[in-house]
Amino acid sequence: MPRYGQLVMGPAGSGKSTYCSNMFRHCENIRRTIHVVNLDPAAEHFDYPVLAGRYFAQNFDWLQEELDEVEDDYILFDCPGQVELYTHVPVMKQLVEMLHKMDFRICGVFIIDSQFMIEASKFVSGMLTALSTMVNLEIPHVNIMSKLDLLSKKAKKDLERYLEPELPVLLNEEFDDENKSNQKFKKLNASIATMVSNASLFDVKG
């Protein structure tokens, strides 16, 4: 019988553990049992019951044994915040392959700090990281924007531009002056924006 899970990913401090905590409490309220596996070696404090996997990269066999003992069929994996683990280091890809062999149905949840949504260049940076993760892991994937309550009133008014972004327009606004250092990257940014927009590769939910 298949089991289900989410890989909760994103940069350090983006709100992954908060997301897992709120999901755990929500499931408690609806009387749905889930487990949270924390895979972040830097994490020390939790406000949800946790099955720790501090050295999972070197101990996949141990992690598999631990998961085999969990009877519930839905597990959240609170993942490390080191971005390189999702983009060009193979460890997260190996984890996905192991979970698939264990008959898990896995989706990726990428948490994006709303501070990435206040400048076009920051937004593109966060977007490309999320996109690289999605392409690398090859699993169903959703992007979630966190910490909206921390945005200024002005930033909240501009938020709509980033929820349904027209990337070429956003980037042209930021790089429309005559500064040589800005103009040097204008064509590159325009090419990236056109590629992502035309292929409909990226979306974000608040």
N, C-alpha and C. Protein backbone atom coordinates (compact mmCIF):
# COMPACT_ATOMS: atom_id res chain seq x y z
N MET A 1 0.85 -1.19 0.00
CA MET A 1 0.00 0.00 0.00
C MET A 1 0.88 1.25 0.00
N PRO A 2 0.65 2.18 -0.90
CA PRO A 2 1.52 3.36 -0.97
C PRO A 2 1.36 4.28 0.23
N ARG A 3 2.43 5.00 0.52
CA ARG A 3 2.39 6.06 1.52
C ARG A 3 2.67 7.38 0.81
N TYR A 4 2.42 8.47 1.53
CA TYR A 4 2.48 9.79 0.92
C TYR A 4 3.35 10.71 1.76
N GLY A 5 3.92 11.71 1.11
CA GLY A 5 4.76 12.63 1.85
C GLY A 5 5.08 13.89 1.08
N GLN A 6 5.57 14.86 1.83
CA GLN A 6 6.02 16.13 1.24
C GLN A 6 7.47 16.36 1.61
N LEU A 7 8.27 16.75 0.64
CA LEU A 7 9.60 17.29 0.91
C LEU A 7 9.46 18.79 1.05
N VAL A 8 9.61 19.29 2.27
CA VAL A 8 9.44 20.72 2.54
C VAL A 8 10.81 21.36 2.43
N MET A 9 11.01 22.16 1.39
CA MET A 9 12.33 22.67 1.03
C MET A 9 12.33 24.19 0.98
N GLY A 10 13.52 24.74 0.84
CA GLY A 10 13.66 26.18 0.74
C GLY A 10 14.91 26.64 1.48
N PRO A 11 15.33 27.89 1.24
CA PRO A 11 16.53 28.42 1.91
C PRO A 11 16.37 28.46 3.42
N ALA A 12 17.49 28.53 4.12
CA ALA A 12 17.48 28.63 5.58
C ALA A 12 16.68 29.86 6.01
N GLY A 13 15.82 29.67 7.00
CA GLY A 13 15.04 30.78 7.53
C GLY A 13 13.80 31.13 6.74
N SER A 14 13.46 30.34 5.74
CA SER A 14 12.30 30.67 4.91
C SER A 14 10.98 30.29 5.55
N GLY A 15 11.00 29.44 6.57
CA GLY A 15 9.76 29.07 7.26
C GLY A 15 9.36 27.61 7.10
N LYS A 16 10.31 26.74 6.78
CA LYS A 16 10.00 25.33 6.55
C LYS A 16 9.45 24.66 7.81
N SER A 17 10.13 24.86 8.94
CA SER A 17 9.68 24.22 10.18
C SER A 17 8.35 24.79 10.66
N THR A 18 8.12 26.08 10.44
CA THR A 18 6.83 26.68 10.78
C THR A 18 5.72 26.06 9.94
N TYR A 19 5.99 25.86 8.68
CA TYR A 19 5.02 25.21 7.80
C TYR A 19 4.70 23.80 8.31
N CYS A 20 5.74 23.03 8.65
CA CYS A 20 5.53 21.67 9.15
C CYS A 20 4.74 21.68 10.45
N SER A 21 5.05 22.64 11.33
CA SER A 21 4.34 22.75 12.60
C SER A 21 2.86 23.03 12.38
N ASN A 22 2.56 23.96 11.48
CA ASN A 22 1.17 24.31 11.22
C ASN A 22 0.43 23.16 10.53
N MET A 23 1.11 22.45 9.65
CA MET A 23 0.50 21.29 9.02
C MET A 23 0.19 20.21 10.06
N PHE A 24 1.12 20.01 10.98
CA PHE A 24 0.92 19.01 12.03
C PHE A 24 -0.30 19.36 12.90
N ARG A 25 -0.39 20.63 13.29
CA ARG A 25 -1.52 21.06 14.11
C ARG A 25 -2.84 20.97 13.36
N HIS A 26 -2.82 21.33 12.08
CA HIS A 26 -4.03 21.22 11.27
C HIS A 26 -4.51 19.77 11.21
N CYS A 27 -3.58 18.85 11.00
CA CYS A 27 -3.96 17.44 10.92
C CYS A 27 -4.45 16.92 12.26
N GLU A 28 -3.86 17.43 13.35
CA GLU A 28 -4.39 17.08 14.67
C GLU A 28 -5.84 17.51 14.80
N ASN A 29 -6.15 18.72 14.35
CA ASN A 29 -7.51 19.27 14.47
C ASN A 29 -8.52 18.47 13.65
N ILE A 30 -8.09 17.93 12.52
CA ILE A 30 -9.02 17.15 11.69
C ILE A 30 -8.89 15.65 11.95
N ARG A 31 -8.12 15.34 13.03
CA ARG A 31 -7.93 13.94 13.45
C ARG A 31 -7.29 13.09 12.35
N ARG A 32 -6.29 13.67 11.75
CA ARG A 32 -5.50 12.98 10.73
C ARG A 32 -4.08 12.88 11.24
N THR A 33 -3.56 11.67 11.37
CA THR A 33 -2.24 11.47 11.95
C THR A 33 -1.16 11.58 10.88
N ILE A 34 -0.18 12.41 11.15
CA ILE A 34 1.00 12.50 10.28
C ILE A 34 2.24 12.51 11.15
N HIS A 35 3.37 12.24 10.53
CA HIS A 35 4.66 12.34 11.21
C HIS A 35 5.52 13.39 10.51
N VAL A 36 6.44 13.97 11.26
CA VAL A 36 7.40 14.92 10.70
C VAL A 36 8.80 14.34 10.89
N VAL A 37 9.53 14.21 9.80
CA VAL A 37 10.92 13.78 9.84
C VAL A 37 11.79 15.00 9.61
N ASN A 38 12.60 15.37 10.59
CA ASN A 38 13.48 16.52 10.43
C ASN A 38 14.84 16.06 9.90
N LEU A 39 15.22 16.55 8.75
CA LEU A 39 16.47 16.17 8.11
C LEU A 39 17.52 17.27 8.16
N ASP A 40 17.25 18.31 8.92
CA ASP A 40 18.15 19.46 8.99
C ASP A 40 19.12 19.29 10.16
N PRO A 41 20.41 19.07 9.91
CA PRO A 41 21.37 18.88 11.00
C PRO A 41 21.57 20.14 11.83
N ALA A 42 21.14 21.30 11.33
CA ALA A 42 21.32 22.55 12.09
C ALA A 42 20.15 22.81 13.03
N ALA A 43 19.05 22.08 12.88
CA ALA A 43 17.87 22.33 13.71
C ALA A 43 18.06 21.73 15.09
N GLU A 44 17.61 22.50 16.11
CA GLU A 44 17.75 22.04 17.49
C GLU A 44 16.46 22.07 18.27
N HIS A 45 15.54 22.96 17.93
CA HIS A 45 14.30 23.12 18.69
C HIS A 45 13.10 22.91 17.78
N PHE A 46 12.14 22.14 18.27
CA PHE A 46 10.95 21.84 17.50
C PHE A 46 9.72 22.04 18.36
N ASP A 47 8.61 22.46 17.72
CA ASP A 47 7.35 22.52 18.45
C ASP A 47 6.36 21.51 17.87
N TYR A 48 6.90 20.42 17.35
CA TYR A 48 6.10 19.29 16.90
C TYR A 48 6.91 18.02 17.17
N PRO A 49 6.24 16.88 17.38
CA PRO A 49 6.97 15.61 17.55
C PRO A 49 7.77 15.31 16.30
N VAL A 50 9.02 14.91 16.46
CA VAL A 50 9.90 14.80 15.31
C VAL A 50 10.66 13.48 15.33
N LEU A 51 10.77 12.89 14.16
CA LEU A 51 11.68 11.78 13.94
C LEU A 51 12.91 12.36 13.27
N ALA A 52 14.02 12.39 13.99
CA ALA A 52 15.21 13.10 13.49
C ALA A 52 15.99 12.23 12.53
N GLY A 53 16.56 12.87 11.53
CA GLY A 53 17.41 12.20 10.55
C GLY A 53 18.65 13.02 10.29
N ARG A 54 19.45 13.25 11.32
CA ARG A 54 20.55 14.21 11.24
C ARG A 54 21.59 13.84 10.19
N TYR A 55 21.88 12.56 10.02
CA TYR A 55 22.98 12.18 9.12
C TYR A 55 22.45 11.31 7.99
N PHE A 56 21.30 11.70 7.47
CA PHE A 56 20.64 10.85 6.49
C PHE A 56 21.45 10.64 5.23
N ALA A 57 22.29 11.62 4.87
CA ALA A 57 23.06 11.51 3.63
C ALA A 57 24.00 10.32 3.67
N GLN A 58 24.55 10.02 4.84
CA GLN A 58 25.46 8.90 4.99
C GLN A 58 24.77 7.65 5.54
N ASN A 59 23.48 7.76 5.85
CA ASN A 59 22.80 6.66 6.53
C ASN A 59 21.40 6.43 5.96
N PHE A 60 21.31 6.27 4.65
CA PHE A 60 20.01 6.02 4.04
C PHE A 60 19.39 4.72 4.56
N ASP A 61 20.22 3.72 4.81
CA ASP A 61 19.69 2.45 5.33
C ASP A 61 19.02 2.65 6.68
N TRP A 62 19.67 3.46 7.53
CA TRP A 62 19.09 3.73 8.85
C TRP A 62 17.77 4.48 8.71
N LEU A 63 17.74 5.47 7.82
CA LEU A 63 16.52 6.23 7.62
C LEU A 63 15.40 5.34 7.10
N GLN A 64 15.73 4.43 6.19
CA GLN A 64 14.72 3.52 5.67
C GLN A 64 14.16 2.63 6.77
N GLU A 65 15.01 2.15 7.66
CA GLU A 65 14.54 1.34 8.78
C GLU A 65 13.62 2.13 9.69
N GLU A 66 13.97 3.40 9.94
CA GLU A 66 13.13 4.25 10.78
C GLU A 66 11.76 4.47 10.15
N LEU A 67 11.76 4.72 8.84
CA LEU A 67 10.50 4.96 8.15
C LEU A 67 9.64 3.70 8.10
N ASP A 68 10.27 2.54 8.01
CA ASP A 68 9.52 1.28 7.98
C ASP A 68 8.75 1.06 9.28
N GLU A 69 9.24 1.66 10.37
CA GLU A 69 8.58 1.48 11.66
C GLU A 69 7.43 2.45 11.88
N VAL A 70 7.31 3.44 11.00
CA VAL A 70 6.22 4.42 11.11
C VAL A 70 4.98 3.84 10.44
N GLU A 71 3.90 3.69 11.20
CA GLU A 71 2.70 3.05 10.67
C GLU A 71 1.83 4.01 9.86
N ASP A 72 1.89 5.29 10.18
CA ASP A 72 1.02 6.24 9.49
C ASP A 72 1.48 6.45 8.05
N ASP A 73 0.53 6.82 7.21
CA ASP A 73 0.81 6.82 5.78
C ASP A 73 1.14 8.20 5.23
N TYR A 74 1.29 9.24 6.08
CA TYR A 74 1.61 10.57 5.57
C TYR A 74 2.76 11.15 6.40
N ILE A 75 3.83 11.55 5.72
CA ILE A 75 5.02 12.04 6.42
C ILE A 75 5.50 13.33 5.77
N LEU A 76 5.81 14.31 6.61
CA LEU A 76 6.44 15.55 6.16
C LEU A 76 7.94 15.44 6.41
N PHE A 77 8.74 15.75 5.41
CA PHE A 77 10.19 15.76 5.55
C PHE A 77 10.65 17.21 5.60
N ASP A 78 11.03 17.66 6.79
CA ASP A 78 11.51 19.03 7.00
C ASP A 78 12.99 19.05 6.60
N CYS A 79 13.28 19.58 5.43
CA CYS A 79 14.58 19.41 4.79
C CYS A 79 15.58 20.50 5.18
N PRO A 80 16.87 20.26 4.95
CA PRO A 80 17.90 21.25 5.24
C PRO A 80 17.74 22.51 4.39
N GLY A 81 18.35 23.60 4.84
CA GLY A 81 18.24 24.86 4.14
C GLY A 81 19.37 25.16 3.18
N GLN A 82 20.34 24.24 3.06
CA GLN A 82 21.45 24.48 2.13
C GLN A 82 20.95 24.29 0.71
N VAL A 83 20.92 25.38 -0.05
CA VAL A 83 20.33 25.36 -1.39
C VAL A 83 21.05 24.38 -2.32
N GLU A 84 22.35 24.22 -2.13
CA GLU A 84 23.11 23.36 -3.05
C GLU A 84 22.64 21.90 -3.00
N LEU A 85 22.00 21.49 -1.91
CA LEU A 85 21.51 20.11 -1.81
C LEU A 85 20.41 19.82 -2.82
N TYR A 86 19.73 20.87 -3.28
CA TYR A 86 18.62 20.68 -4.21
C TYR A 86 19.01 21.00 -5.65
N THR A 87 20.12 21.64 -5.86
CA THR A 87 20.45 22.14 -7.19
C THR A 87 21.53 21.31 -7.88
N HIS A 88 22.66 21.01 -7.19
CA HIS A 88 23.72 20.28 -7.88
C HIS A 88 24.41 19.22 -7.04
N VAL A 89 24.06 19.08 -5.76
CA VAL A 89 24.55 17.96 -4.95
C VAL A 89 23.48 16.86 -5.01
N PRO A 90 23.84 15.60 -5.23
CA PRO A 90 22.84 14.57 -5.54
C PRO A 90 22.06 14.02 -4.35
N VAL A 91 22.33 14.47 -3.13
CA VAL A 91 21.76 13.79 -1.97
C VAL A 91 20.24 13.82 -1.95
N MET A 92 19.60 14.94 -2.28
CA MET A 92 18.14 15.00 -2.25
C MET A 92 17.52 14.17 -3.37
N LYS A 93 18.19 14.12 -4.51
CA LYS A 93 17.75 13.26 -5.59
C LYS A 93 17.81 11.80 -5.16
N GLN A 94 18.86 11.43 -4.44
CA GLN A 94 18.99 10.06 -3.93
C GLN A 94 17.90 9.75 -2.92
N LEU A 95 17.56 10.74 -2.09
CA LEU A 95 16.49 10.55 -1.12
C LEU A 95 15.16 10.29 -1.83
N VAL A 96 14.87 11.07 -2.87
CA VAL A 96 13.64 10.88 -3.64
C VAL A 96 13.60 9.48 -4.25
N GLU A 97 14.72 9.04 -4.80
CA GLU A 97 14.77 7.70 -5.40
C GLU A 97 14.53 6.62 -4.35
N MET A 98 15.09 6.79 -3.14
CA MET A 98 14.87 5.82 -2.08
C MET A 98 13.40 5.78 -1.67
N LEU A 99 12.78 6.95 -1.55
CA LEU A 99 11.37 7.01 -1.15
C LEU A 99 10.47 6.39 -2.21
N HIS A 100 10.80 6.60 -3.48
CA HIS A 100 10.01 5.98 -4.55
C HIS A 100 10.11 4.45 -4.46
N LYS A 101 11.30 3.93 -4.16
CA LYS A 101 11.46 2.48 -4.01
C LYS A 101 10.67 1.95 -2.82
N MET A 102 10.43 2.82 -1.82
CA MET A 102 9.63 2.43 -0.66
C MET A 102 8.14 2.63 -0.91
N ASP A 103 7.78 2.93 -2.15
CA ASP A 103 6.39 3.13 -2.57
C ASP A 103 5.77 4.37 -1.95
N PHE A 104 6.58 5.42 -1.77
CA PHE A 104 6.06 6.72 -1.35
C PHE A 104 5.62 7.50 -2.58
N ARG A 105 4.53 8.24 -2.44
CA ARG A 105 4.11 9.22 -3.43
C ARG A 105 4.52 10.58 -2.87
N ILE A 106 5.53 11.18 -3.47
CA ILE A 106 6.16 12.37 -2.90
C ILE A 106 5.88 13.61 -3.76
N CYS A 107 5.61 14.74 -3.07
CA CYS A 107 5.56 16.03 -3.76
C CYS A 107 6.54 16.98 -3.07
N GLY A 108 6.99 17.96 -3.80
CA GLY A 108 7.89 18.96 -3.25
C GLY A 108 7.14 20.24 -2.91
N VAL A 109 7.42 20.78 -1.72
CA VAL A 109 6.88 22.06 -1.30
C VAL A 109 8.06 23.00 -1.07
N PHE A 110 8.18 24.02 -1.91
CA PHE A 110 9.31 24.94 -1.82
C PHE A 110 8.83 26.24 -1.19
N ILE A 111 9.37 26.57 -0.01
CA ILE A 111 8.97 27.76 0.73
C ILE A 111 9.84 28.94 0.31
N ILE A 112 9.21 30.04 -0.10
CA ILE A 112 9.92 31.23 -0.54
C ILE A 112 9.59 32.39 0.40
N ASP A 113 10.60 32.95 1.02
CA ASP A 113 10.42 34.10 1.90
C ASP A 113 9.87 35.27 1.09
N SER A 114 8.84 35.93 1.60
CA SER A 114 8.21 37.03 0.87
C SER A 114 9.17 38.20 0.64
N GLN A 115 10.29 38.24 1.35
CA GLN A 115 11.28 39.28 1.10
C GLN A 115 11.87 39.17 -0.31
N PHE A 116 11.74 37.98 -0.92
CA PHE A 116 12.17 37.82 -2.30
C PHE A 116 11.23 38.50 -3.28
N MET A 117 10.06 38.94 -2.78
CA MET A 117 9.04 39.46 -3.68
C MET A 117 8.98 40.98 -3.70
N ILE A 118 10.01 41.64 -3.19
CA ILE A 118 9.96 43.10 -3.13
C ILE A 118 10.88 43.75 -4.15
N GLU A 119 11.76 42.97 -4.76
CA GLU A 119 12.62 43.47 -5.82
C GLU A 119 12.68 42.44 -6.93
N ALA A 120 12.65 42.90 -8.16
CA ALA A 120 12.62 41.97 -9.30
C ALA A 120 13.82 41.04 -9.32
N SER A 121 15.01 41.59 -9.05
CA SER A 121 16.21 40.75 -9.11
C SER A 121 16.21 39.69 -8.03
N LYS A 122 15.73 40.03 -6.82
CA LYS A 122 15.62 39.04 -5.76
C LYS A 122 14.59 37.98 -6.12
N PHE A 123 13.50 38.42 -6.72
CA PHE A 123 12.45 37.49 -7.12
C PHE A 123 12.98 36.48 -8.12
N VAL A 124 13.72 36.94 -9.11
CA VAL A 124 14.27 36.05 -10.12
C VAL A 124 15.26 35.08 -9.48
N SER A 125 16.05 35.55 -8.53
CA SER A 125 16.99 34.68 -7.83
C SER A 125 16.26 33.55 -7.10
N GLY A 126 15.23 33.90 -6.34
CA GLY A 126 14.45 32.88 -5.64
C GLY A 126 13.73 31.96 -6.59
N MET A 127 13.22 32.53 -7.68
CA MET A 127 12.50 31.76 -8.68
C MET A 127 13.40 30.72 -9.33
N LEU A 128 14.62 31.11 -9.68
CA LEU A 128 15.53 30.18 -10.34
C LEU A 128 15.97 29.06 -9.39
N THR A 129 16.11 29.38 -8.11
CA THR A 129 16.44 28.34 -7.14
C THR A 129 15.31 27.32 -7.04
N ALA A 130 14.07 27.80 -6.95
CA ALA A 130 12.92 26.91 -6.89
C ALA A 130 12.79 26.10 -8.17
N LEU A 131 13.03 26.75 -9.30
CA LEU A 131 12.91 26.09 -10.59
C LEU A 131 13.98 25.01 -10.74
N SER A 132 15.20 25.30 -10.32
CA SER A 132 16.28 24.33 -10.38
C SER A 132 15.96 23.11 -9.52
N THR A 133 15.38 23.36 -8.35
CA THR A 133 14.98 22.26 -7.47
C THR A 133 13.92 21.39 -8.13
N MET A 134 12.92 22.01 -8.73
CA MET A 134 11.85 21.27 -9.39
C MET A 134 12.39 20.40 -10.52
N VAL A 135 13.26 20.97 -11.34
CA VAL A 135 13.80 20.23 -12.48
C VAL A 135 14.71 19.10 -12.02
N ASN A 136 15.49 19.36 -10.98
CA ASN A 136 16.46 18.37 -10.50
C ASN A 136 15.78 17.18 -9.85
N LEU A 137 14.75 17.41 -9.06
CA LEU A 137 14.12 16.31 -8.31
C LEU A 137 13.06 15.57 -9.11
N GLU A 138 12.46 16.23 -10.08
CA GLU A 138 11.48 15.59 -10.97
C GLU A 138 10.31 14.97 -10.20
N ILE A 139 9.74 15.77 -9.30
CA ILE A 139 8.55 15.34 -8.58
C ILE A 139 7.51 16.46 -8.66
N PRO A 140 6.22 16.17 -8.44
CA PRO A 140 5.22 17.25 -8.38
C PRO A 140 5.68 18.32 -7.40
N HIS A 141 5.43 19.58 -7.73
CA HIS A 141 6.11 20.67 -7.02
C HIS A 141 5.19 21.87 -6.89
N VAL A 142 5.16 22.48 -5.70
CA VAL A 142 4.40 23.70 -5.50
C VAL A 142 5.27 24.69 -4.73
N ASN A 143 5.19 25.97 -5.11
CA ASN A 143 5.93 27.03 -4.42
C ASN A 143 4.97 27.81 -3.52
N ILE A 144 5.39 28.04 -2.28
CA ILE A 144 4.55 28.74 -1.31
C ILE A 144 5.31 29.94 -0.75
N MET A 145 4.68 31.08 -0.77
CA MET A 145 5.29 32.29 -0.24
C MET A 145 4.98 32.43 1.25
N SER A 146 6.00 32.67 2.06
CA SER A 146 5.84 32.74 3.51
C SER A 146 6.11 34.15 4.04
N LYS A 147 5.75 34.36 5.28
CA LYS A 147 6.05 35.59 6.02
C LYS A 147 5.42 36.84 5.40
N LEU A 148 4.24 36.70 4.85
CA LEU A 148 3.57 37.86 4.26
C LEU A 148 3.28 38.93 5.30
N ASP A 149 3.08 38.51 6.55
CA ASP A 149 2.75 39.47 7.60
C ASP A 149 3.91 40.41 7.92
N LEU A 150 5.11 40.06 7.48
CA LEU A 150 6.29 40.88 7.76
C LEU A 150 6.54 41.94 6.69
N LEU A 151 5.78 41.91 5.61
CA LEU A 151 5.98 42.89 4.55
C LEU A 151 5.45 44.26 4.96
N SER A 152 6.07 45.29 4.43
CA SER A 152 5.58 46.65 4.66
C SER A 152 4.28 46.85 3.89
N LYS A 153 3.55 47.91 4.21
CA LYS A 153 2.30 48.20 3.51
C LYS A 153 2.55 48.42 2.02
N LYS A 154 3.63 49.11 1.71
CA LYS A 154 3.96 49.36 0.30
C LYS A 154 4.24 48.06 -0.44
N ALA A 155 5.02 47.17 0.21
CA ALA A 155 5.35 45.89 -0.42
C ALA A 155 4.11 45.05 -0.65
N LYS A 156 3.17 45.09 0.31
CA LYS A 156 1.93 44.31 0.15
C LYS A 156 1.11 44.82 -1.03
N LYS A 157 1.15 46.14 -1.26
CA LYS A 157 0.41 46.70 -2.40
C LYS A 157 1.01 46.24 -3.72
N ASP A 158 2.34 46.05 -3.74
CA ASP A 158 3.02 45.65 -4.97
C ASP A 158 3.03 44.14 -5.17
N LEU A 159 2.50 43.41 -4.21
CA LEU A 159 2.63 41.96 -4.21
C LEU A 159 1.98 41.30 -5.42
N GLU A 160 0.88 41.87 -5.88
CA GLU A 160 0.15 41.27 -6.99
C GLU A 160 1.02 41.13 -8.23
N ARG A 161 1.96 42.04 -8.39
CA ARG A 161 2.86 41.98 -9.56
C ARG A 161 3.70 40.71 -9.56
N TYR A 162 3.95 40.16 -8.35
CA TYR A 162 4.80 38.98 -8.25
C TYR A 162 4.01 37.68 -8.22
N LEU A 163 2.73 37.76 -7.84
CA LEU A 163 1.91 36.55 -7.82
C LEU A 163 1.58 36.08 -9.23
N GLU A 164 1.39 37.03 -10.14
CA GLU A 164 1.22 36.71 -11.56
C GLU A 164 2.20 37.56 -12.35
N PRO A 165 3.47 37.21 -12.25
CA PRO A 165 4.52 38.12 -12.73
C PRO A 165 4.64 38.16 -14.25
N GLU A 166 4.87 39.36 -14.76
CA GLU A 166 5.34 39.55 -16.13
C GLU A 166 6.81 39.89 -16.01
N LEU A 167 7.63 38.87 -16.05
CA LEU A 167 9.04 39.02 -15.72
C LEU A 167 9.77 40.05 -16.59
N PRO A 168 9.57 40.06 -17.89
CA PRO A 168 10.28 41.08 -18.69
C PRO A 168 9.96 42.50 -18.22
N VAL A 169 8.69 42.74 -17.86
CA VAL A 169 8.28 44.06 -17.41
C VAL A 169 8.94 44.39 -16.08
N LEU A 170 8.91 43.44 -15.14
CA LEU A 170 9.52 43.67 -13.82
C LEU A 170 11.00 44.00 -13.94
N LEU A 171 11.70 43.22 -14.75
CA LEU A 171 13.14 43.41 -14.86
C LEU A 171 13.48 44.69 -15.61
N ASN A 172 12.69 45.05 -16.60
CA ASN A 172 12.95 46.30 -17.32
C ASN A 172 12.80 47.50 -16.40
N GLU A 173 11.84 47.42 -15.48
CA GLU A 173 11.65 48.51 -14.53
C GLU A 173 12.87 48.67 -13.63
N GLU A 174 13.48 47.55 -13.26
CA GLU A 174 14.62 47.62 -12.34
C GLU A 174 15.91 48.01 -13.05
N PHE A 175 16.03 47.65 -14.33
CA PHE A 175 17.27 47.90 -15.07
C PHE A 175 17.07 48.91 -16.19
N ASP A 176 16.25 49.92 -15.94
CA ASP A 176 15.94 50.86 -17.01
C ASP A 176 16.81 52.11 -16.99
N ASP A 177 17.80 52.18 -16.10
CA ASP A 177 18.66 53.35 -16.10
C ASP A 177 19.88 53.11 -16.99
N GLU A 178 20.76 54.08 -17.04
CA GLU A 178 21.91 54.01 -17.94
C GLU A 178 23.16 53.50 -17.24
N ASN A 179 23.02 53.05 -16.01
CA ASN A 179 24.16 52.51 -15.29
C ASN A 179 24.74 51.31 -16.05
N LYS A 180 26.03 51.33 -16.34
CA LYS A 180 26.64 50.28 -17.15
C LYS A 180 26.54 48.92 -16.49
N SER A 181 26.71 48.88 -15.18
CA SER A 181 26.64 47.59 -14.49
C SER A 181 25.24 46.98 -14.60
N ASN A 182 24.21 47.84 -14.62
CA ASN A 182 22.84 47.34 -14.82
C ASN A 182 22.63 46.87 -16.25
N GLN A 183 23.07 47.69 -17.20
CA GLN A 183 22.85 47.35 -18.60
C GLN A 183 23.57 46.06 -19.01
N LYS A 184 24.68 45.77 -18.33
CA LYS A 184 25.46 44.57 -18.67
C LYS A 184 24.63 43.30 -18.47
N PHE A 185 23.74 43.33 -17.47
CA PHE A 185 22.95 42.14 -17.17
C PHE A 185 21.54 42.19 -17.77
N LYS A 186 21.21 43.28 -18.43
CA LYS A 186 19.84 43.46 -18.90
C LYS A 186 19.44 42.39 -19.92
N LYS A 187 20.32 42.10 -20.88
CA LYS A 187 19.99 41.10 -21.90
C LYS A 187 19.88 39.70 -21.30
N LEU A 188 20.80 39.38 -20.38
CA LEU A 188 20.75 38.07 -19.72
C LEU A 188 19.44 37.90 -18.96
N ASN A 189 19.09 38.92 -18.18
CA ASN A 189 17.85 38.86 -17.41
C ASN A 189 16.63 38.74 -18.33
N ALA A 190 16.66 39.47 -19.43
CA ALA A 190 15.55 39.42 -20.37
C ALA A 190 15.40 38.03 -20.98
N SER A 191 16.52 37.39 -21.28
CA SER A 191 16.48 36.03 -21.85
C SER A 191 15.92 35.03 -20.85
N ILE A 192 16.36 35.15 -19.60
CA ILE A 192 15.85 34.25 -18.55
C ILE A 192 14.36 34.46 -18.36
N ALA A 193 13.95 35.71 -18.28
CA ALA A 193 12.54 36.02 -18.07
C ALA A 193 11.68 35.48 -19.20
N THR A 194 12.15 35.65 -20.45
CA THR A 194 11.39 35.18 -21.61
C THR A 194 11.27 33.65 -21.60
N MET A 195 12.36 32.96 -21.28
CA MET A 195 12.34 31.50 -21.25
C MET A 195 11.36 30.98 -20.21
N VAL A 196 11.42 31.52 -19.00
CA VAL A 196 10.54 31.05 -17.92
C VAL A 196 9.08 31.39 -18.22
N SER A 197 8.85 32.60 -18.72
CA SER A 197 7.48 33.02 -19.01
C SER A 197 6.86 32.19 -20.14
N ASN A 198 7.60 31.99 -21.21
CA ASN A 198 7.08 31.27 -22.36
C ASN A 198 6.79 29.81 -22.05
N ALA A 199 7.60 29.21 -21.18
CA ALA A 199 7.42 27.80 -20.85
C ALA A 199 6.47 27.59 -19.68
N SER A 200 5.99 28.68 -19.07
CA SER A 200 5.08 28.59 -17.91
C SER A 200 5.66 27.66 -16.85
N LEU A 201 6.93 27.89 -16.52
CA LEU A 201 7.63 26.98 -15.62
C LEU A 201 7.50 27.33 -14.15
N PHE A 202 6.96 28.50 -13.83
CA PHE A 202 7.02 28.93 -12.44
C PHE A 202 5.72 29.60 -12.03
N ASP A 203 5.25 29.23 -10.83
CA ASP A 203 4.08 29.87 -10.23
C ASP A 203 4.29 29.87 -8.73
N VAL A 204 3.67 30.79 -8.04
CA VAL A 204 3.84 30.88 -6.60
C VAL A 204 2.50 31.17 -5.95
N LYS A 205 2.26 30.54 -4.79
CA LYS A 205 1.02 30.72 -4.05
C LYS A 205 1.31 31.39 -2.72
N GLY A 206 0.48 32.38 -2.35
CA GLY A 206 0.63 33.04 -1.07
C GLY A 206 -0.21 32.39 -0.01
